[in-house]
Amino acid sequence: FKRNYKGDTAQLIFTEKHKDLLKKSEDWMKDTSGSCMIV
């Protein structure tokens, strides 16, 4: 839980840096689940 000079924890940086990847993974899961439902 140590903070850097900007006051950010590692967990906060992880959430910020992986925001786009999280959105892509959600869309990927939706597309995959939709395809599986059709099949």
All heavy atoms as atom14 arrays in JSON, in Angstrom:
{
  "sequence": "FKRNYKGDTAQLIFTEKHKDLLKKSEDWMKDTSGSCMIV",
  "atom14_mask": [
    [1, 1, 1, 1, 1, 1, 1, 1, 1, 1, 1, 0, 0, 0],
    [1, 1, 1, 1, 1, 1, 1, 1, 1, 0, 0, 0, 0, 0],
    [1, 1, 1, 1, 1, 1, 1, 1, 1, 1, 1, 0, 0, 0],
    [1, 1, 1, 1, 1, 1, 1, 1, 0, 0, 0, 0, 0, 0],
    [1, 1, 1, 1, 1, 1, 1, 1, 1, 1, 1, 1, 0, 0],
    [1, 1, 1, 1, 1, 1, 1, 1, 1, 0, 0, 0, 0, 0],
    [1, 1, 1, 1, 0, 0, 0, 0, 0, 0, 0, 0, 0, 0],
    [1, 1, 1, 1, 1, 1, 1, 1, 0, 0, 0, 0, 0, 0],
    [1, 1, 1, 1, 1, 1, 1, 0, 0, 0, 0, 0, 0, 0],
    [1, 1, 1, 1, 1, 0, 0, 0, 0, 0, 0, 0, 0, 0],
    [1, 1, 1, 1, 1, 1, 1, 1, 1, 0, 0, 0, 0, 0],
    [1, 1, 1, 1, 1, 1, 1, 1, 0, 0, 0, 0, 0, 0],
    [1, 1, 1, 1, 1, 1, 1, 1, 0, 0, 0, 0, 0, 0],
    [1, 1, 1, 1, 1, 1, 1, 1, 1, 1, 1, 0, 0, 0],
    [1, 1, 1, 1, 1, 1, 1, 0, 0, 0, 0, 0, 0, 0],
    [1, 1, 1, 1, 1, 1, 1, 1, 1, 0, 0, 0, 0, 0],
    [1, 1, 1, 1, 1, 1, 1, 1, 1, 0, 0, 0, 0, 0],
    [1, 1, 1, 1, 1, 1, 1, 1, 1, 1, 0, 0, 0, 0],
    [1, 1, 1, 1, 1, 1, 1, 1, 1, 0, 0, 0, 0, 0],
    [1, 1, 1, 1, 1, 1, 1, 1, 0, 0, 0, 0, 0, 0],
    [1, 1, 1, 1, 1, 1, 1, 1, 0, 0, 0, 0, 0, 0],
    [1, 1, 1, 1, 1, 1, 1, 1, 0, 0, 0, 0, 0, 0],
    [1, 1, 1, 1, 1, 1, 1, 1, 1, 0, 0, 0, 0, 0],
    [1, 1, 1, 1, 1, 1, 1, 1, 1, 0, 0, 0, 0, 0],
    [1, 1, 1, 1, 1, 1, 0, 0, 0, 0, 0, 0, 0, 0],
    [1, 1, 1, 1, 1, 1, 1, 1, 1, 0, 0, 0, 0, 0],
    [1, 1, 1, 1, 1, 1, 1, 1, 0, 0, 0, 0, 0, 0],
    [1, 1, 1, 1, 1, 1, 1, 1, 1, 1, 1, 1, 1, 1],
    [1, 1, 1, 1, 1, 1, 1, 1, 0, 0, 0, 0, 0, 0],
    [1, 1, 1, 1, 1, 1, 1, 1, 1, 0, 0, 0, 0, 0],
    [1, 1, 1, 1, 1, 1, 1, 1, 0, 0, 0, 0, 0, 0],
    [1, 1, 1, 1, 1, 1, 1, 0, 0, 0, 0, 0, 0, 0],
    [1, 1, 1, 1, 1, 1, 0, 0, 0, 0, 0, 0, 0, 0],
    [1, 1, 1, 1, 0, 0, 0, 0, 0, 0, 0, 0, 0, 0],
    [1, 1, 1, 1, 1, 1, 0, 0, 0, 0, 0, 0, 0, 0],
    [1, 1, 1, 1, 1, 1, 0, 0, 0, 0, 0, 0, 0, 0],
    [1, 1, 1, 1, 1, 1, 1, 1, 0, 0, 0, 0, 0, 0],
    [1, 1, 1, 1, 1, 1, 1, 1, 0, 0, 0, 0, 0, 0],
    [1, 1, 1, 1, 1, 1, 1, 0, 0, 0, 0, 0, 0, 0]
  ],
  "atom14_positions": [
    [[0.82, -1.21, 0.0], [0.0, 0.0, 0.0], [0.85, 1.26, 0.0], [0.34, 2.35, 0.29], [-0.93, -0.01, 1.22], [-1.72, -1.27, 1.38], [-1.32, -2.26, 2.28], [-2.84, -1.49, 0.61], [-2.05, -3.42, 2.42], [-3.58, -2.66, 0.74], [-3.18, -3.63, 1.65], [0.0, 0.0, 0.0], [0.0, 0.0, 0.0], [0.0, 0.0, 0.0]],
    [[2.13, 1.12, -0.31], [3.02, 2.29, -0.33], [2.67, 3.19, -1.51], [2.4, 2.73, -2.61], [4.47, 1.84, -0.39], [5.46, 2.98, -0.29], [6.89, 2.46, -0.24], [7.14, 1.75, 1.1], [8.56, 1.36, 1.23], [0.0, 0.0, 0.0], [0.0, 0.0, 0.0], [0.0, 0.0, 0.0], [0.0, 0.0, 0.0], [0.0, 0.0, 0.0]],
    [[2.73, 4.49, -1.29], [2.41, 5.47, -2.32], [3.7, 6.1, -2.86], [4.67, 6.26, -2.12], [1.49, 6.56, -1.77], [0.13, 6.03, -1.31], [-0.72, 7.15, -0.74], [-2.02, 6.66, -0.28], [-3.1, 6.6, -1.04], [-3.04, 7.03, -2.31], [-4.24, 6.14, -0.57], [0.0, 0.0, 0.0], [0.0, 0.0, 0.0], [0.0, 0.0, 0.0]],
    [[3.68, 6.47, -4.13], [4.81, 7.17, -4.71], [4.69, 8.67, -4.45], [3.83, 9.12, -3.7], [4.92, 6.86, -6.21], [3.64, 7.24, -6.96], [2.78, 7.93, -6.43], [3.54, 6.77, -8.19], [0.0, 0.0, 0.0], [0.0, 0.0, 0.0], [0.0, 0.0, 0.0], [0.0, 0.0, 0.0], [0.0, 0.0, 0.0], [0.0, 0.0, 0.0]],
    [[5.57, 9.45, -5.1], [5.57, 10.89, -4.87], [4.26, 11.54, -5.32], [3.86, 12.58, -4.79], [6.74, 11.54, -5.6], [8.04, 11.45, -4.84], [9.26, 11.73, -5.45], [8.06, 11.11, -3.5], [10.45, 11.66, -4.75], [9.24, 11.02, -2.79], [10.43, 11.31, -3.42], [11.6, 11.24, -2.71], [0.0, 0.0, 0.0], [0.0, 0.0, 0.0]],
    [[3.57, 10.95, -6.29], [2.29, 11.49, -6.75], [1.13, 11.05, -5.87], [-0.01, 11.47, -6.09], [2.03, 11.04, -8.19], [3.02, 11.61, -9.18], [2.66, 11.17, -10.6], [3.64, 11.74, -11.62], [3.3, 11.32, -13.0], [0.0, 0.0, 0.0], [0.0, 0.0, 0.0], [0.0, 0.0, 0.0], [0.0, 0.0, 0.0], [0.0, 0.0, 0.0]],
    [[1.4, 10.2, -4.9], [0.36, 9.74, -4.01], [-0.44, 8.57, -4.54], [-1.52, 8.27, -4.02], [0.0, 0.0, 0.0], [0.0, 0.0, 0.0], [0.0, 0.0, 0.0], [0.0, 0.0, 0.0], [0.0, 0.0, 0.0], [0.0, 0.0, 0.0], [0.0, 0.0, 0.0], [0.0, 0.0, 0.0], [0.0, 0.0, 0.0], [0.0, 0.0, 0.0]],
    [[0.07, 7.88, -5.57], [-0.65, 6.77, -6.18], [-0.13, 5.44, -5.63], [1.08, 5.23, -5.51], [-0.47, 6.78, -7.7], [-1.04, 8.04, -8.34], [-1.98, 8.61, -7.74], [-0.54, 8.45, -9.4], [0.0, 0.0, 0.0], [0.0, 0.0, 0.0], [0.0, 0.0, 0.0], [0.0, 0.0, 0.0], [0.0, 0.0, 0.0], [0.0, 0.0, 0.0]],
    [[-1.05, 4.57, -5.31], [-0.68, 3.21, -4.93], [-0.54, 2.36, -6.19], [-0.95, 2.75, -7.28], [-1.74, 2.6, -4.01], [-3.0, 2.55, -4.72], [-1.9, 3.43, -2.75], [0.0, 0.0, 0.0], [0.0, 0.0, 0.0], [0.0, 0.0, 0.0], [0.0, 0.0, 0.0], [0.0, 0.0, 0.0], [0.0, 0.0, 0.0], [0.0, 0.0, 0.0]],
    [[0.03, 1.18, -6.02], [0.2, 0.29, -7.17], [-1.15, -0.18, -7.72], [-1.33, -0.32, -8.93], [1.06, -0.92, -6.77], [0.0, 0.0, 0.0], [0.0, 0.0, 0.0], [0.0, 0.0, 0.0], [0.0, 0.0, 0.0], [0.0, 0.0, 0.0], [0.0, 0.0, 0.0], [0.0, 0.0, 0.0], [0.0, 0.0, 0.0], [0.0, 0.0, 0.0]],
    [[-2.11, -0.4, -6.83], [-3.44, -0.83, -7.26], [-4.12, 0.24, -8.1], [-4.78, -0.06, -9.11], [-4.29, -1.16, -6.04], [-5.68, -1.69, -6.37], [-5.63, -3.03, -7.08], [-4.93, -3.94, -6.64], [-6.35, -3.16, -8.18], [0.0, 0.0, 0.0], [0.0, 0.0, 0.0], [0.0, 0.0, 0.0], [0.0, 0.0, 0.0], [0.0, 0.0, 0.0]],
    [[-3.94, 1.5, -7.72], [-4.52, 2.6, -8.48], [-3.89, 2.7, -9.86], [-4.59, 2.92, -10.87], [-4.35, 3.92, -7.71], [-4.92, 5.17, -8.38], [-6.42, 5.05, -8.54], [-4.56, 6.42, -7.56], [0.0, 0.0, 0.0], [0.0, 0.0, 0.0], [0.0, 0.0, 0.0], [0.0, 0.0, 0.0], [0.0, 0.0, 0.0], [0.0, 0.0, 0.0]],
    [[-2.58, 2.53, -9.93], [-1.9, 2.58, -11.23], [-2.33, 1.41, -12.11], [-2.53, 1.56, -13.31], [-0.37, 2.58, -11.02], [0.06, 3.87, -10.32], [0.36, 2.43, -12.35], [1.54, 3.94, -10.02], [0.0, 0.0, 0.0], [0.0, 0.0, 0.0], [0.0, 0.0, 0.0], [0.0, 0.0, 0.0], [0.0, 0.0, 0.0], [0.0, 0.0, 0.0]],
    [[-2.48, 0.24, -11.51], [-2.93, -0.93, -12.28], [-4.32, -0.68, -12.87], [-4.57, -1.0, -14.04], [-2.96, -2.15, -11.37], [-3.37, -3.41, -12.06], [-2.43, -4.21, -12.7], [-4.7, -3.82, -12.09], [-2.8, -5.37, -13.35], [-5.08, -4.98, -12.72], [-4.13, -5.76, -13.36], [0.0, 0.0, 0.0], [0.0, 0.0, 0.0], [0.0, 0.0, 0.0]],
    [[-5.21, -0.12, -12.1], [-6.57, 0.16, -12.59], [-6.54, 1.18, -13.72], [-7.27, 1.04, -14.72], [-7.45, 0.66, -11.44], [-7.44, -0.3, -10.38], [-8.87, 0.88, -11.91], [0.0, 0.0, 0.0], [0.0, 0.0, 0.0], [0.0, 0.0, 0.0], [0.0, 0.0, 0.0], [0.0, 0.0, 0.0], [0.0, 0.0, 0.0], [0.0, 0.0, 0.0]],
    [[-5.7, 2.2, -13.58], [-5.63, 3.24, -14.59], [-4.98, 2.75, -15.88], [-5.47, 3.04, -16.98], [-4.85, 4.44, -14.02], [-4.79, 5.64, -14.94], [-6.14, 6.3, -15.14], [-7.02, 6.14, -14.25], [-6.33, 6.95, -16.18], [0.0, 0.0, 0.0], [0.0, 0.0, 0.0], [0.0, 0.0, 0.0], [0.0, 0.0, 0.0], [0.0, 0.0, 0.0]],
    [[-3.9, 2.01, -15.76], [-3.17, 1.57, -16.95], [-3.91, 0.48, -17.72], [-3.71, 0.32, -18.93], [-1.79, 1.05, -16.54], [-0.86, 2.1, -15.96], [-0.5, 3.16, -16.97], [0.49, 4.16, -16.39], [0.86, 5.21, -17.38], [0.0, 0.0, 0.0], [0.0, 0.0, 0.0], [0.0, 0.0, 0.0], [0.0, 0.0, 0.0], [0.0, 0.0, 0.0]],
    [[-4.75, -0.29, -17.04], [-5.44, -1.4, -17.69], [-6.9, -1.08, -17.99], [-7.7, -1.99, -18.22], [-5.37, -2.65, -16.8], [-3.99, -3.2, -16.65], [-3.05, -2.66, -15.82], [-3.4, -4.27, -17.25], [-1.93, -3.35, -15.9], [-2.11, -4.34, -16.74], [0.0, 0.0, 0.0], [0.0, 0.0, 0.0], [0.0, 0.0, 0.0], [0.0, 0.0, 0.0]],
    [[-7.24, 0.19, -18.0], [-8.62, 0.58, -18.26], [-9.05, 0.17, -19.67], [-10.13, -0.4, -19.87], [-8.77, 2.09, -18.08], [-10.2, 2.59, -18.2], [-10.24, 4.11, -18.06], [-9.69, 4.54, -16.71], [-9.79, 6.03, -16.53], [0.0, 0.0, 0.0], [0.0, 0.0, 0.0], [0.0, 0.0, 0.0], [0.0, 0.0, 0.0], [0.0, 0.0, 0.0]],
    [[-8.21, 0.45, -20.65], [-8.57, 0.11, -22.04], [-8.59, -1.41, -22.25], [-9.46, -1.93, -22.95], [-7.57, 0.75, -23.01], [-7.66, 2.28, -22.99], [-8.72, 2.8, -22.59], [-6.66, 2.93, -23.34], [0.0, 0.0, 0.0], [0.0, 0.0, 0.0], [0.0, 0.0, 0.0], [0.0, 0.0, 0.0], [0.0, 0.0, 0.0], [0.0, 0.0, 0.0]],
    [[-7.63, -2.1, -21.66], [-7.6, -3.56, -21.8], [-8.82, -4.19, -21.14], [-9.37, -5.17, -21.66], [-6.32, -4.11, -21.19], [-6.1, -5.63, -21.32], [-6.04, -6.03, -22.79], [-4.83, -6.05, -20.6], [0.0, 0.0, 0.0], [0.0, 0.0, 0.0], [0.0, 0.0, 0.0], [0.0, 0.0, 0.0], [0.0, 0.0, 0.0], [0.0, 0.0, 0.0]],
    [[-9.28, -3.63, -20.03], [-10.48, -4.14, -19.37], [-11.71, -3.95, -20.25], [-12.56, -4.84, -20.35], [-10.67, -3.43, -18.03], [-11.89, -3.83, -17.21], [-11.83, -5.31, -16.85], [-12.01, -2.97, -15.95], [0.0, 0.0, 0.0], [0.0, 0.0, 0.0], [0.0, 0.0, 0.0], [0.0, 0.0, 0.0], [0.0, 0.0, 0.0], [0.0, 0.0, 0.0]],
    [[-11.79, -2.79, -20.91], [-12.92, -2.56, -21.82], [-12.89, -3.53, -22.99], [-13.94, -4.09, -23.39], [-12.85, -1.11, -22.33], [-13.99, -0.71, -23.26], [-15.32, -0.72, -22.52], [-16.44, -0.12, -23.36], [-16.63, -0.77, -24.65], [0.0, 0.0, 0.0], [0.0, 0.0, 0.0], [0.0, 0.0, 0.0], [0.0, 0.0, 0.0], [0.0, 0.0, 0.0]],
    [[-11.71, -3.77, -23.54], [-11.59, -4.71, -24.65], [-11.94, -6.13, -24.21], [-12.56, -6.88, -24.97], [-10.17, -4.68, -25.21], [-9.81, -3.38, -25.92], [-8.38, -3.42, -26.44], [-8.0, -2.11, -27.14], [-6.6, -2.14, -27.62], [0.0, 0.0, 0.0], [0.0, 0.0, 0.0], [0.0, 0.0, 0.0], [0.0, 0.0, 0.0], [0.0, 0.0, 0.0]],
    [[-11.53, -6.48, -23.01], [-11.83, -7.84, -22.53], [-13.33, -8.02, -22.3], [-13.88, -9.09, -22.56], [-11.07, -8.11, -21.23], [-11.47, -7.2, -20.21], [0.0, 0.0, 0.0], [0.0, 0.0, 0.0], [0.0, 0.0, 0.0], [0.0, 0.0, 0.0], [0.0, 0.0, 0.0], [0.0, 0.0, 0.0], [0.0, 0.0, 0.0], [0.0, 0.0, 0.0]],
    [[-14.01, -6.97, -21.83], [-15.46, -7.05, -21.66], [-16.17, -7.22, -22.99], [-17.09, -8.04, -23.12], [-15.97, -5.79, -20.95], [-15.53, -5.69, -19.49], [-15.98, -4.38, -18.86], [-16.48, -3.5, -19.61], [-15.83, -4.23, -17.63], [0.0, 0.0, 0.0], [0.0, 0.0, 0.0], [0.0, 0.0, 0.0], [0.0, 0.0, 0.0], [0.0, 0.0, 0.0]],
    [[-15.74, -6.44, -24.0], [-16.34, -6.58, -25.33], [-16.04, -7.96, -25.92], [-16.91, -8.56, -26.58], [-15.8, -5.48, -26.26], [-16.21, -4.09, -25.8], [-17.2, -3.99, -25.05], [-15.53, -3.11, -26.17], [0.0, 0.0, 0.0], [0.0, 0.0, 0.0], [0.0, 0.0, 0.0], [0.0, 0.0, 0.0], [0.0, 0.0, 0.0], [0.0, 0.0, 0.0]],
    [[-14.84, -8.44, -25.67], [-14.47, -9.76, -26.19], [-15.32, -10.85, -25.54], [-15.77, -11.79, -26.21], [-12.99, -10.01, -25.92], [-12.46, -11.3, -26.46], [-12.05, -11.55, -27.74], [-12.29, -12.53, -25.74], [-11.62, -12.84, -27.87], [-11.76, -13.48, -26.66], [-12.52, -12.92, -24.42], [-11.46, -14.77, -26.27], [-12.22, -14.22, -24.06], [-11.71, -15.13, -24.97]],
    [[-15.56, -10.73, -24.25], [-16.4, -11.71, -23.57], [-17.84, -11.66, -24.06], [-18.49, -12.7, -24.24], [-16.36, -11.46, -22.06], [-15.04, -11.82, -21.4], [-14.72, -13.59, -21.44], [-15.99, -14.17, -20.33], [0.0, 0.0, 0.0], [0.0, 0.0, 0.0], [0.0, 0.0, 0.0], [0.0, 0.0, 0.0], [0.0, 0.0, 0.0], [0.0, 0.0, 0.0]],
    [[-18.36, -10.46, -24.32], [-19.72, -10.33, -24.82], [-19.84, -10.97, -26.21], [-20.8, -11.69, -26.49], [-20.13, -8.87, -24.87], [-20.31, -8.23, -23.5], [-20.69, -6.77, -23.63], [-20.86, -6.12, -22.25], [-21.19, -4.67, -22.34], [0.0, 0.0, 0.0], [0.0, 0.0, 0.0], [0.0, 0.0, 0.0], [0.0, 0.0, 0.0], [0.0, 0.0, 0.0]],
    [[-18.89, -10.67, -27.08], [-18.93, -11.25, -28.43], [-18.8, -12.77, -28.39], [-19.51, -13.48, -29.11], [-17.82, -10.65, -29.29], [-18.0, -9.15, -29.52], [-19.15, -8.68, -29.36], [-17.0, -8.47, -29.82], [0.0, 0.0, 0.0], [0.0, 0.0, 0.0], [0.0, 0.0, 0.0], [0.0, 0.0, 0.0], [0.0, 0.0, 0.0], [0.0, 0.0, 0.0]],
    [[-17.91, -13.24, -27.54], [-17.72, -14.69, -27.45], [-18.96, -15.38, -26.87], [-19.39, -16.43, -27.37], [-16.5, -15.0, -26.56], [-15.35, -14.34, -27.08], [-16.23, -16.5, -26.51], [0.0, 0.0, 0.0], [0.0, 0.0, 0.0], [0.0, 0.0, 0.0], [0.0, 0.0, 0.0], [0.0, 0.0, 0.0], [0.0, 0.0, 0.0], [0.0, 0.0, 0.0]],
    [[-19.54, -14.78, -25.84], [-20.75, -15.38, -25.25], [-21.91, -15.35, -26.22], [-22.71, -16.29, -26.29], [-21.11, -14.65, -23.96], [-21.39, -13.29, -24.22], [0.0, 0.0, 0.0], [0.0, 0.0, 0.0], [0.0, 0.0, 0.0], [0.0, 0.0, 0.0], [0.0, 0.0, 0.0], [0.0, 0.0, 0.0], [0.0, 0.0, 0.0], [0.0, 0.0, 0.0]],
    [[-22.03, -14.26, -27.01], [-23.09, -14.2, -28.02], [-22.93, -15.26, -29.08], [-23.91, -15.92, -29.49], [0.0, 0.0, 0.0], [0.0, 0.0, 0.0], [0.0, 0.0, 0.0], [0.0, 0.0, 0.0], [0.0, 0.0, 0.0], [0.0, 0.0, 0.0], [0.0, 0.0, 0.0], [0.0, 0.0, 0.0], [0.0, 0.0, 0.0], [0.0, 0.0, 0.0]],
    [[-21.71, -15.46, -29.52], [-21.46, -16.51, -30.52], [-21.76, -17.89, -29.96], [-22.34, -18.74, -30.64], [-20.01, -16.43, -31.01], [-19.73, -15.16, -31.56], [0.0, 0.0, 0.0], [0.0, 0.0, 0.0], [0.0, 0.0, 0.0], [0.0, 0.0, 0.0], [0.0, 0.0, 0.0], [0.0, 0.0, 0.0], [0.0, 0.0, 0.0], [0.0, 0.0, 0.0]],
    [[-21.41, -18.1, -28.71], [-21.68, -19.4, -28.08], [-23.18, -19.65, -27.91], [-23.65, -20.78, -28.07], [-20.98, -19.48, -26.72], [-19.18, -19.52, -26.81], [0.0, 0.0, 0.0], [0.0, 0.0, 0.0], [0.0, 0.0, 0.0], [0.0, 0.0, 0.0], [0.0, 0.0, 0.0], [0.0, 0.0, 0.0], [0.0, 0.0, 0.0], [0.0, 0.0, 0.0]],
    [[-23.94, -18.57, -27.62], [-25.39, -18.72, -27.48], [-26.03, -19.09, -28.8], [-26.96, -19.92, -28.86], [-26.0, -17.42, -26.93], [-25.68, -17.15, -25.47], [-26.4, -15.61, -24.88], [-28.13, -15.99, -25.07], [0.0, 0.0, 0.0], [0.0, 0.0, 0.0], [0.0, 0.0, 0.0], [0.0, 0.0, 0.0], [0.0, 0.0, 0.0], [0.0, 0.0, 0.0]],
    [[-25.56, -18.49, -29.9], [-26.12, -18.81, -31.22], [-25.84, -20.26, -31.57], [-26.72, -21.01, -32.02], [-25.53, -17.86, -32.28], [-26.02, -16.43, -32.02], [-25.93, -18.31, -33.68], [-25.39, -15.4, -32.94], [0.0, 0.0, 0.0], [0.0, 0.0, 0.0], [0.0, 0.0, 0.0], [0.0, 0.0, 0.0], [0.0, 0.0, 0.0], [0.0, 0.0, 0.0]],
    [[-24.6, -20.7, -31.36], [-24.24, -22.08, -31.66], [-25.02, -23.04, -30.77], [-25.51, -24.1, -31.22], [-22.72, -22.28, -31.48], [-22.36, -23.75, -31.65], [-21.96, -21.43, -32.48], [0.0, 0.0, 0.0], [0.0, 0.0, 0.0], [0.0, 0.0, 0.0], [0.0, 0.0, 0.0], [0.0, 0.0, 0.0], [0.0, 0.0, 0.0], [0.0, 0.0, 0.0]]
  ]
}
